[in-house]
C-alpha atoms as a PDB file:
ATOM      1  CA  MET A   1      86.498  87.853 108.055  1.00  0.00           C
ATOM      2  CA  ARG A   2      86.167  87.844 104.207  1.00  0.00           C
ATOM      3  CA  VAL A   3      88.794  88.429 102.178  1.00  0.00           C
ATOM      4  CA  LEU A   4      88.228  89.480  98.519  1.00  0.00           C
ATOM      5  CA  LEU A   5      91.344  89.580  95.846  1.00  0.00           C
ATOM      6  CA  ASP A   6      89.813  91.851  93.969  1.00  0.00           C
ATOM      7  CA  LEU A   7      92.405  92.109  90.828  1.00  0.00           C
ATOM      8  CA  ALA A   8      91.255  93.171  88.642  1.00  0.00           C
ATOM      9  CA  TYR A   9      91.455  96.405  86.013  1.00  0.00           C
ATOM     10  CA  ARG A  10      88.213  98.241  86.208  1.00  0.00           C
ATOM     11  CA  ASP A  11      87.021 101.752  85.817  1.00  0.00           C
ATOM     12  CA  PRO A  12      87.637 103.383  89.043  1.00  0.00           C
ATOM     13  CA  ARG A  13      84.626 105.179  89.276  1.00  0.00           C
ATOM     14  CA  LEU A  14      83.342 101.487  90.287  1.00  0.00           C
ATOM     15  CA  ASN A  15      86.040 100.832  92.419  1.00  0.00           C
ATOM     16  CA  LEU A  16      85.350 103.521  94.573  1.00  0.00           C
ATOM     17  CA  ALA A  17      81.814 102.497  94.456  1.00  0.00           C
ATOM     18  CA  LEU A  18      82.582  99.137  95.679  1.00  0.00           C
ATOM     19  CA  ASP A  19      83.790 100.263  98.800  1.00  0.00           C
ATOM     20  CA  VAL A  20      80.938 102.407  99.338  1.00  0.00           C
ATOM     21  CA  ALA A  21      78.413  99.396  98.252  1.00  0.00           C
ATOM     22  CA  ILE A  22      80.310  96.695 100.830  1.00  0.00           C
ATOM     23  CA  LEU A  23      80.355  99.167 103.279  1.00  0.00           C
ATOM     24  CA  ARG A  24      76.510  99.434 103.592  1.00  0.00           C
ATOM     25  CA  GLU A  25      75.840  95.974 103.599  1.00  0.00           C
ATOM     26  CA  LEU A  26      78.120  95.406 106.618  1.00  0.00           C
ATOM     27  CA  ALA A  27      76.462  98.088 108.201  1.00  0.00           C
ATOM     28  CA  ARG A  28      73.353  96.171 107.261  1.00  0.00           C
ATOM     29  CA  GLY A  29      74.464  92.805 108.400  1.00  0.00           C
ATOM     30  CA  ARG A  30      74.279  91.516 105.349  1.00  0.00           C
ATOM     31  CA  VAL A  31      78.293  90.984 105.198  1.00  0.00           C
ATOM     32  CA  PRO A  32      80.984  89.508 107.650  1.00  0.00           C
ATOM     33  CA  PRO A  33      84.005  92.108 108.582  1.00  0.00           C
ATOM     34  CA  THR A  34      85.654  92.396 104.929  1.00  0.00           C
ATOM     35  CA  LEU A  35      89.119  92.673 103.542  1.00  0.00           C
ATOM     36  CA  ARG A  36      89.840  93.965 100.033  1.00  0.00           C
ATOM     37  CA  VAL A  37      92.407  93.617  98.294  1.00  0.00           C
ATOM     38  CA  TRP A  38      92.610  96.117  95.040  1.00  0.00           C
ATOM     39  CA  ARG A  39      93.844  98.000  92.091  1.00  0.00           C
ATOM     40  CA  ASN A  40      93.155 100.869  90.034  1.00  0.00           C
ATOM     41  CA  PRO A  41      94.029 101.863  86.424  1.00  0.00           C
ATOM     42  CA  ARG A  42      96.099 104.844  86.710  1.00  0.00           C
ATOM     43  CA  CYS A  43      93.916 108.102  88.093  1.00  0.00           C
ATOM     44  CA  VAL A  44      93.873 110.942  90.663  1.00  0.00           C
ATOM     45  CA  VAL A  45      91.509 110.216  93.700  1.00  0.00           C
ATOM     46  CA  VAL A  46      90.932 113.352  96.295  1.00  0.00           C
ATOM     47  CA  GLY A  47      89.346 113.564  99.352  1.00  0.00           C
ATOM     48  CA  ARG A  48      85.814 114.463 100.588  1.00  0.00           C
ATOM     49  CA  GLY A  49      86.702 117.730 101.664  1.00  0.00           C
ATOM     50  CA  GLN A  50      88.895 118.477  98.729  1.00  0.00           C
ATOM     51  CA  ARG A  51      88.718 120.569  95.237  1.00  0.00           C
ATOM     52  CA  VAL A  52      89.377 118.436  91.935  1.00  0.00           C
ATOM     53  CA  GLU A  53      90.587 121.786  89.928  1.00  0.00           C
ATOM     54  CA  ASP A  54      92.779 122.538  93.782  1.00  0.00           C
ATOM     55  CA  GLU A  55      94.472 119.070  93.793  1.00  0.00           C
ATOM     56  CA  VAL A  56      95.193 117.876  90.336  1.00  0.00           C
ATOM     57  CA  ASP A  57      96.298 119.115  86.912  1.00  0.00           C
ATOM     58  CA  LEU A  58      93.278 118.753  84.512  1.00  0.00           C
ATOM     59  CA  GLY A  59      95.358 119.430  81.700  1.00  0.00           C
ATOM     60  CA  ALA A  60      97.838 116.527  82.210  1.00  0.00           C
ATOM     61  CA  CYS A  61      95.304 114.498  83.561  1.00  0.00           C
ATOM     62  CA  SER A  62      93.535 114.964  79.626  1.00  0.00           C
ATOM     63  CA  GLN A  63      96.458 114.683  77.842  1.00  0.00           C
ATOM     64  CA  LEU A  64      98.155 111.413  79.805  1.00  0.00           C
ATOM     65  CA  ARG A  65      94.180 110.442  79.768  1.00  0.00           C
ATOM     66  CA  ILE A  66      94.543 109.925  83.915  1.00  0.00           C
ATOM     67  CA  PRO A  67      91.095 110.625  85.239  1.00  0.00           C
ATOM     68  CA  ALA A  68      90.745 112.501  88.586  1.00  0.00           C
ATOM     69  CA  LEU A  69      87.790 111.439  90.764  1.00  0.00           C
ATOM     70  CA  GLN A  70      86.621 112.500  94.484  1.00  0.00           C
ATOM     71  CA  ARG A  71      86.085 109.906  96.989  1.00  0.00           C
ATOM     72  CA  PRO A  72      83.753 109.968  99.932  1.00  0.00           C
ATOM     73  CA  SER A  73      86.488 109.209 102.495  1.00  0.00           C
ATOM     74  CA  GLY A  74      88.406 112.070 103.677  1.00  0.00           C
ATOM     75  CA  GLY A  75      92.463 112.521 103.423  1.00  0.00           C
ATOM     76  CA  GLY A  76      94.717 114.400 100.658  1.00  0.00           C
ATOM     77  CA  ALA A  77      95.000 113.815  96.813  1.00  0.00           C
ATOM     78  CA  VAL A  78      97.033 110.360  96.036  1.00  0.00           C
ATOM     79  CA  TYR A  79      97.637 108.718  92.573  1.00  0.00           C
ATOM     80  CA  HIS A  80      96.933 105.161  91.820  1.00  0.00           C
ATOM     81  CA  HIS A  81      98.898 103.601  89.374  1.00  0.00           C
ATOM     82  CA  PRO A  82     100.015  99.631  88.143  1.00  0.00           C
ATOM     83  CA  GLY A  83     102.621 100.015  90.941  1.00  0.00           C
ATOM     84  CA  ASN A  84     100.835 100.213  94.202  1.00  0.00           C
ATOM     85  CA  LEU A  85      98.268  97.768  95.296  1.00  0.00           C
ATOM     86  CA  ASN A  86      94.744  99.070  97.134  1.00  0.00           C
ATOM     87  CA  PHE A  87      93.827  97.585 100.484  1.00  0.00           C
ATOM     88  CA  SER A  88      89.956  98.551 102.187  1.00  0.00           C
ATOM     89  CA  LEU A  89      89.016  97.335 106.017  1.00  0.00           C
ATOM     90  CA  PHE A  90      85.509  96.987 107.062  1.00  0.00           C
ATOM     91  CA  LEU A  91      84.945  96.583 110.418  1.00  0.00           C
ATOM     92  CA  PRO A  92      82.072  96.956 112.873  1.00  0.00           C
ATOM     93  CA  LEU A  93      82.005 100.033 115.058  1.00  0.00           C
ATOM     94  CA  VAL A  94      82.787  98.767 118.407  1.00  0.00           C
ATOM     95  CA  GLY A  95      85.945  98.707 120.368  1.00  0.00           C
ATOM     96  CA  PRO A  96      88.738 100.406 119.028  1.00  0.00           C
ATOM     97  CA  TRP A  97      87.017 100.325 115.668  1.00  0.00           C
ATOM     98  CA  THR A  98      85.095 103.622 117.258  1.00  0.00           C
ATOM     99  CA  SER A  99      87.486 106.097 117.491  1.00  0.00           C
ATOM    100  CA  VAL A 100      89.413 107.197 114.951  1.00  0.00           C
ATOM    101  CA  ARG A 101      92.779 107.730 116.114  1.00  0.00           C
ATOM    102  CA  LEU A 102      92.855 104.384 118.225  1.00  0.00           C
ATOM    103  CA  SER A 103      91.610 102.517 114.593  1.00  0.00           C
ATOM    104  CA  GLN A 104      94.381 104.248 112.993  1.00  0.00           C
ATOM    105  CA  ASP A 105      96.820 103.566 115.225  1.00  0.00           C
ATOM    106  CA  ARG A 106      96.188  99.634 115.437  1.00  0.00           C
ATOM    107  CA  ILE A 107      95.854  99.070 111.495  1.00  0.00           C
ATOM    108  CA  THR A 108      98.533 101.025 110.372  1.00  0.00           C
ATOM    109  CA  ALA A 109     101.010  99.187 112.673  1.00  0.00           C
ATOM    110  CA  LEU A 110      99.964  95.727 111.498  1.00  0.00           C
ATOM    111  CA  LEU A 111     101.157  96.904 108.302  1.00  0.00           C
ATOM    112  CA  ALA A 112     104.282  98.450 109.751  1.00  0.00           C
ATOM    113  CA  GLU A 113     105.186  95.128 111.450  1.00  0.00           C
ATOM    114  CA  ALA A 114     103.973  93.040 108.638  1.00  0.00           C
ATOM    115  CA  LEU A 115     106.470  95.051 106.147  1.00  0.00           C
ATOM    116  CA  GLU A 116     109.175  94.455 109.032  1.00  0.00           C
ATOM    117  CA  GLU A 117     108.543  90.715 109.353  1.00  0.00           C
ATOM    118  CA  ARG A 118     108.301  90.236 105.559  1.00  0.00           C
ATOM    119  CA  TRP A 119     110.672  92.322 104.335  1.00  0.00           C
ATOM    120  CA  GLY A 120     113.086  93.096 107.531  1.00  0.00           C
ATOM    121  CA  LEU A 121     112.192  96.884 106.533  1.00  0.00           C
ATOM    122  CA  PRO A 122     112.637  99.218 109.744  1.00  0.00           C
ATOM    123  CA  ALA A 123     108.660 100.397 108.978  1.00  0.00           C
ATOM    124  CA  GLU A 124     107.081 103.121 111.308  1.00  0.00           C
ATOM    125  CA  ALA A 125     103.359 103.870 111.489  1.00  0.00           C
ATOM    126  CA  ARG A 126     102.183 107.378 112.151  1.00  0.00           C
ATOM    127  CA  GLU A 127      99.314 109.658 111.630  1.00  0.00           C
ATOM    128  CA  GLY A 128      97.313 107.154 109.327  1.00  0.00           C
ATOM    129  CA  ALA A 129     100.705 106.697 107.256  1.00  0.00           C
ATOM    130  CA  VAL A 130     103.887 103.976 106.979  1.00  0.00           C
ATOM    131  CA  PHE A 131     106.923 105.592 106.809  1.00  0.00           C
ATOM    132  CA  VAL A 132     110.199 103.202 105.880  1.00  0.00           C
ATOM    133  CA  ARG A 133     113.398 105.485 106.649  1.00  0.00           C
ATOM    134  CA  GLY A 134     111.486 108.750 106.410  1.00  0.00           C
ATOM    135  CA  LEU A 135     109.612 107.685 103.016  1.00  0.00           C
ATOM    136  CA  LYS A 136     106.172 107.133 102.930  1.00  0.00           C
ATOM    137  CA  VAL A 137     105.055 103.389 101.298  1.00  0.00           C
ATOM    138  CA  SER A 138     101.765 103.609 102.840  1.00  0.00           C
ATOM    139  CA  GLY A 139      98.247 106.210 103.492  1.00  0.00           C
ATOM    140  CA  SER A 140      95.273 105.794 104.092  1.00  0.00           C
ATOM    141  CA  ALA A 141      91.760 107.424 104.648  1.00  0.00           C
ATOM    142  CA  GLN A 142      88.581 107.039 106.306  1.00  0.00           C
ATOM    143  CA  LEU A 143      84.629 106.315 106.257  1.00  0.00           C
ATOM    144  CA  ARG A 144      82.119 106.079 108.799  1.00  0.00           C
ATOM    145  CA  ARG A 145      78.794 105.238 108.209  1.00  0.00           C
ATOM    146  CA  ARG A 146      77.325 102.703 111.067  1.00  0.00           C
ATOM    147  CA  ALA A 147      80.394 100.887 110.233  1.00  0.00           C
ATOM    148  CA  LEU A 148      84.349 101.576 109.815  1.00  0.00           C
ATOM    149  CA  LEU A 149      85.418 101.824 106.327  1.00  0.00           C
ATOM    150  CA  HIS A 150      89.588 102.059 106.619  1.00  0.00           C
ATOM    151  CA  HIS A 151      91.316 102.007 103.024  1.00  0.00           C
ATOM    152  CA  GLY A 152      94.975 102.443 102.074  1.00  0.00           C
ATOM    153  CA  THR A 153      97.765 102.140  99.784  1.00  0.00           C
ATOM    154  CA  LEU A 154     101.025 100.129  99.326  1.00  0.00           C
ATOM    155  CA  LEU A 155     103.316 101.293  97.437  1.00  0.00           C
ATOM    156  CA  LEU A 156     105.365  98.532  95.372  1.00  0.00           C
ATOM    157  CA  SER A 157     107.060 100.124  92.448  1.00  0.00           C
ATOM    158  CA  PRO A 158     107.508 103.641  91.263  1.00  0.00           C
ATOM    159  CA  ASP A 159     105.472 104.503  88.002  1.00  0.00           C
ATOM    160  CA  GLU A 160     106.532 105.741  84.869  1.00  0.00           C
ATOM    161  CA  ILE A 161     104.643 109.096  85.409  1.00  0.00           C
ATOM    162  CA  ARG A 162     105.598 111.334  88.201  1.00  0.00           C
ATOM    163  CA  MET A 163     102.984 112.448  90.832  1.00  0.00           C
ATOM    164  CA  GLY A 164     104.506 115.789  90.145  1.00  0.00           C
ATOM    165  CA  GLU A 165     103.017 115.739  86.717  1.00  0.00           C
ATOM    166  CA  VAL A 166      99.133 115.045  88.426  1.00  0.00           C
ATOM    167  CA  LEU A 167      99.206 116.354  91.596  1.00  0.00           C
ATOM    168  CA  LEU A 168      99.473 120.235  92.260  1.00  0.00           C
ATOM    169  CA  ALA A 169      99.897 119.923  95.892  1.00  0.00           C
ATOM    170  CA  LEU A 170     104.096 118.993  94.806  1.00  0.00           C
ATOM    171  CA  ARG A 171     104.423 122.284  92.949  1.00  0.00           C
ATOM    172  CA  PRO A 172     105.293 125.653  94.645  1.00  0.00           C
ATOM    173  CA  GLY A 173     102.010 127.607  94.830  1.00  0.00           C
ATOM    174  CA  TYR A 174      99.700 125.302  96.198  1.00  0.00           C
ATOM    175  CA  ARG A 175      96.904 127.056  97.609  1.00  0.00           C
ATOM    176  CA  PRO A 176      94.043 124.820  97.546  1.00  0.00           C
ATOM    177  CA  ARG A 177      90.489 126.743  98.978  1.00  0.00           C
ATOM    178  CA  GLY A 178      89.374 122.853 100.238  1.00  0.00           C
ATOM    179  CA  VAL A 179      91.567 120.675 102.439  1.00  0.00           C
ATOM    180  CA  PRO A 180      95.074 120.528 101.671  1.00  0.00           C
ATOM    181  CA  SER A 181      96.676 117.734 100.839  1.00  0.00           C
ATOM    182  CA  ARG A 182     100.362 116.862 103.141  1.00  0.00           C
ATOM    183  CA  PRO A 183     102.803 116.192 100.457  1.00  0.00           C
ATOM    184  CA  VAL A 184     106.334 114.102 101.946  1.00  0.00           C
ATOM    185  CA  PRO A 185     108.582 111.985 100.444  1.00  0.00           C
ATOM    186  CA  VAL A 186     107.422 109.006  99.148  1.00  0.00           C
ATOM    187  CA  GLY A 187     109.062 105.206  98.706  1.00  0.00           C
ATOM    188  CA  ASP A 188     108.379 101.861  97.246  1.00  0.00           C
ATOM    189  CA  LEU A 189     108.600  98.400  98.191  1.00  0.00           C
ATOM    190  CA  SER A 190     110.757  97.729  95.117  1.00  0.00           C
ATOM    191  CA  SER A 191     113.324 100.636  95.361  1.00  0.00           C
ATOM    192  CA  LEU A 192     113.668 100.007  99.537  1.00  0.00           C
ATOM    193  CA  THR A 193     114.714  96.641  98.767  1.00  0.00           C
ATOM    194  CA  GLY A 194     116.985  96.667  96.063  1.00  0.00           C
ATOM    195  CA  ARG A 195     114.616  93.602  94.549  1.00  0.00           C
ATOM    196  CA  GLU A 196     110.888  93.465  92.647  1.00  0.00           C
ATOM    197  CA  VAL A 197     108.432  93.090  94.554  1.00  0.00           C
ATOM    198  CA  THR A 198     105.299  92.084  92.665  1.00  0.00           C
ATOM    199  CA  VAL A 199     101.326  92.099  93.236  1.00  0.00           C
ATOM    200  CA  ASN A 200     101.299  88.996  94.708  1.00  0.00           C
ATOM    201  CA  ASP A 201     104.376  89.859  97.268  1.00  0.00           C
ATOM    202  CA  GLY A 202     101.955  92.602  97.785  1.00  0.00           C
ATOM    203  CA  ILE A 203      99.118  90.630  98.329  1.00  0.00           C
ATOM    204  CA  ARG A 204     101.060  88.321 100.823  1.00  0.00           C
ATOM    205  CA  THR A 205     101.883  91.537 102.901  1.00  0.00           C
ATOM    206  CA  VAL A 206      98.458  92.691 103.312  1.00  0.00           C
ATOM    207  CA  LEU A 207      97.532  89.385 104.351  1.00  0.00           C
ATOM    208  CA  ASP A 208      99.706  89.128 106.622  1.00  0.00           C
ATOM    209  CA  ALA A 209      99.216  92.258 108.276  1.00  0.00           C
ATOM    210  CA  PHE A 210      95.621  91.784 109.112  1.00  0.00           C
ATOM    211  CA  ARG A 211      95.416  88.206 110.109  1.00  0.00           C
ATOM    212  CA  PRO A 212      95.245  89.132 113.571  1.00  0.00           C
ATOM    213  CA  LEU A 213      91.955  90.702 113.044  1.00  0.00           C
ATOM    214  CA  GLY A 214      90.261  87.038 112.291  1.00  0.00           C
ATOM    215  CA  TRP A 215      90.374  84.010 110.227  1.00  0.00           C
ATOM    216  CA  LEU A 216      90.759  84.675 106.616  1.00  0.00           C
ATOM    217  CA  VAL A 217      88.327  83.272 104.271  1.00  0.00           C
ATOM    218  CA  PRO A 218      88.327  83.749 100.679  1.00  0.00           C
ATOM    219  CA  GLU A 219      85.104  84.910  98.917  1.00  0.00           C
ATOM    220  CA  GLU A 220      83.367  86.444  96.263  1.00  0.00           C
ATOM    221  CA  LEU A 221      81.690  89.896  95.903  1.00  0.00           C
ATOM    222  CA  SER A 222      77.895  89.182  96.166  1.00  0.00           C
ATOM    223  CA  LEU A 223      75.699  90.237  93.270  1.00  0.00           C
ATOM    224  CA  ARG A 224      73.846  92.961  95.849  1.00  0.00           C
ATOM    225  CA  GLU A 225      77.052  94.563  96.429  1.00  0.00           C
ATOM    226  CA  TRP A 226      77.932  94.659  92.587  1.00  0.00           C
ATOM    227  CA  ALA A 227      74.266  95.901  92.017  1.00  0.00           C
ATOM    228  CA  TRP A 228      74.844  98.442  94.389  1.00  0.00           C
ATOM    229  CA  ALA A 229      77.840  99.773  92.842  1.00  0.00           C
ATOM    230  CA  HIS A 230      77.201  99.927  89.412  1.00  0.00           C
ATOM    231  CA  SER A 231      73.962 102.235  90.829  1.00  0.00           C
ATOM    232  CA  LEU A 232      76.279 104.259  92.572  1.00  0.00           C
ATOM    233  CA  SER A 233      78.609 104.642  89.974  1.00  0.00           C
ATOM    234  CA  SER A 234      76.194 105.313  87.512  1.00  0.00           C
ATOM    235  CA  CYS A 235      75.170 108.625  89.313  1.00  0.00           C
ATOM    236  CA  GLN A 236      79.083 110.278  89.691  1.00  0.00           C
ATOM    237  CA  ASP A 237      80.093 112.530  87.117  1.00  0.00           C
ATOM    238  CA  GLY A 238      83.710 112.614  85.161  1.00  0.00           C
ATOM    239  CA  PRO A 239      86.210 114.955  85.978  1.00  0.00           C
END
């Protein structure tokens, strides 16, 4: 499995477009199954079936200079920040990866096992997320376009900006017209372990989790993937 450690902060639109570009290249047989580990600067990302104005306090985001974007996969709104590590798995639509439920269960179970083994945490995988002591430390969403994209988050440390400052689902009176977010209490590995969990710690945890899916080979994004991503991101409208 190709591994892309893509940790540079850049425009979140380009980061989301890179996921779509890699998925397209895998579907066309031009790249092997891939694990991408990456980060976003502060931003809010809502799911395909949601409306940005229903999920995001756009006034607060404007003041805080936090962009709001929409991704092509489903699921609810998430807040990305420097204490959050993102991972994306790109897999062929064969075997368990053809089923939404089986693929989510398998992938989140692998991450839960890695959290238990590396950090000694009582991690539980359910409904596409990973919980520790009732707190959500990882969420995920999927997109299928002749191949599978499963992308997720892993909360390493808290951010100085609270999610409630930008996400409307955490406030009274939340009534979206699209797919609703399902807010639950969240936790981060630093707080749960009582020690600083760094980005490098998070990377090692993600690599440990998905090693069973194939031999991990570090590589770089191809020029074709970069070109597709830049083309896609340039077509996106701002918030």
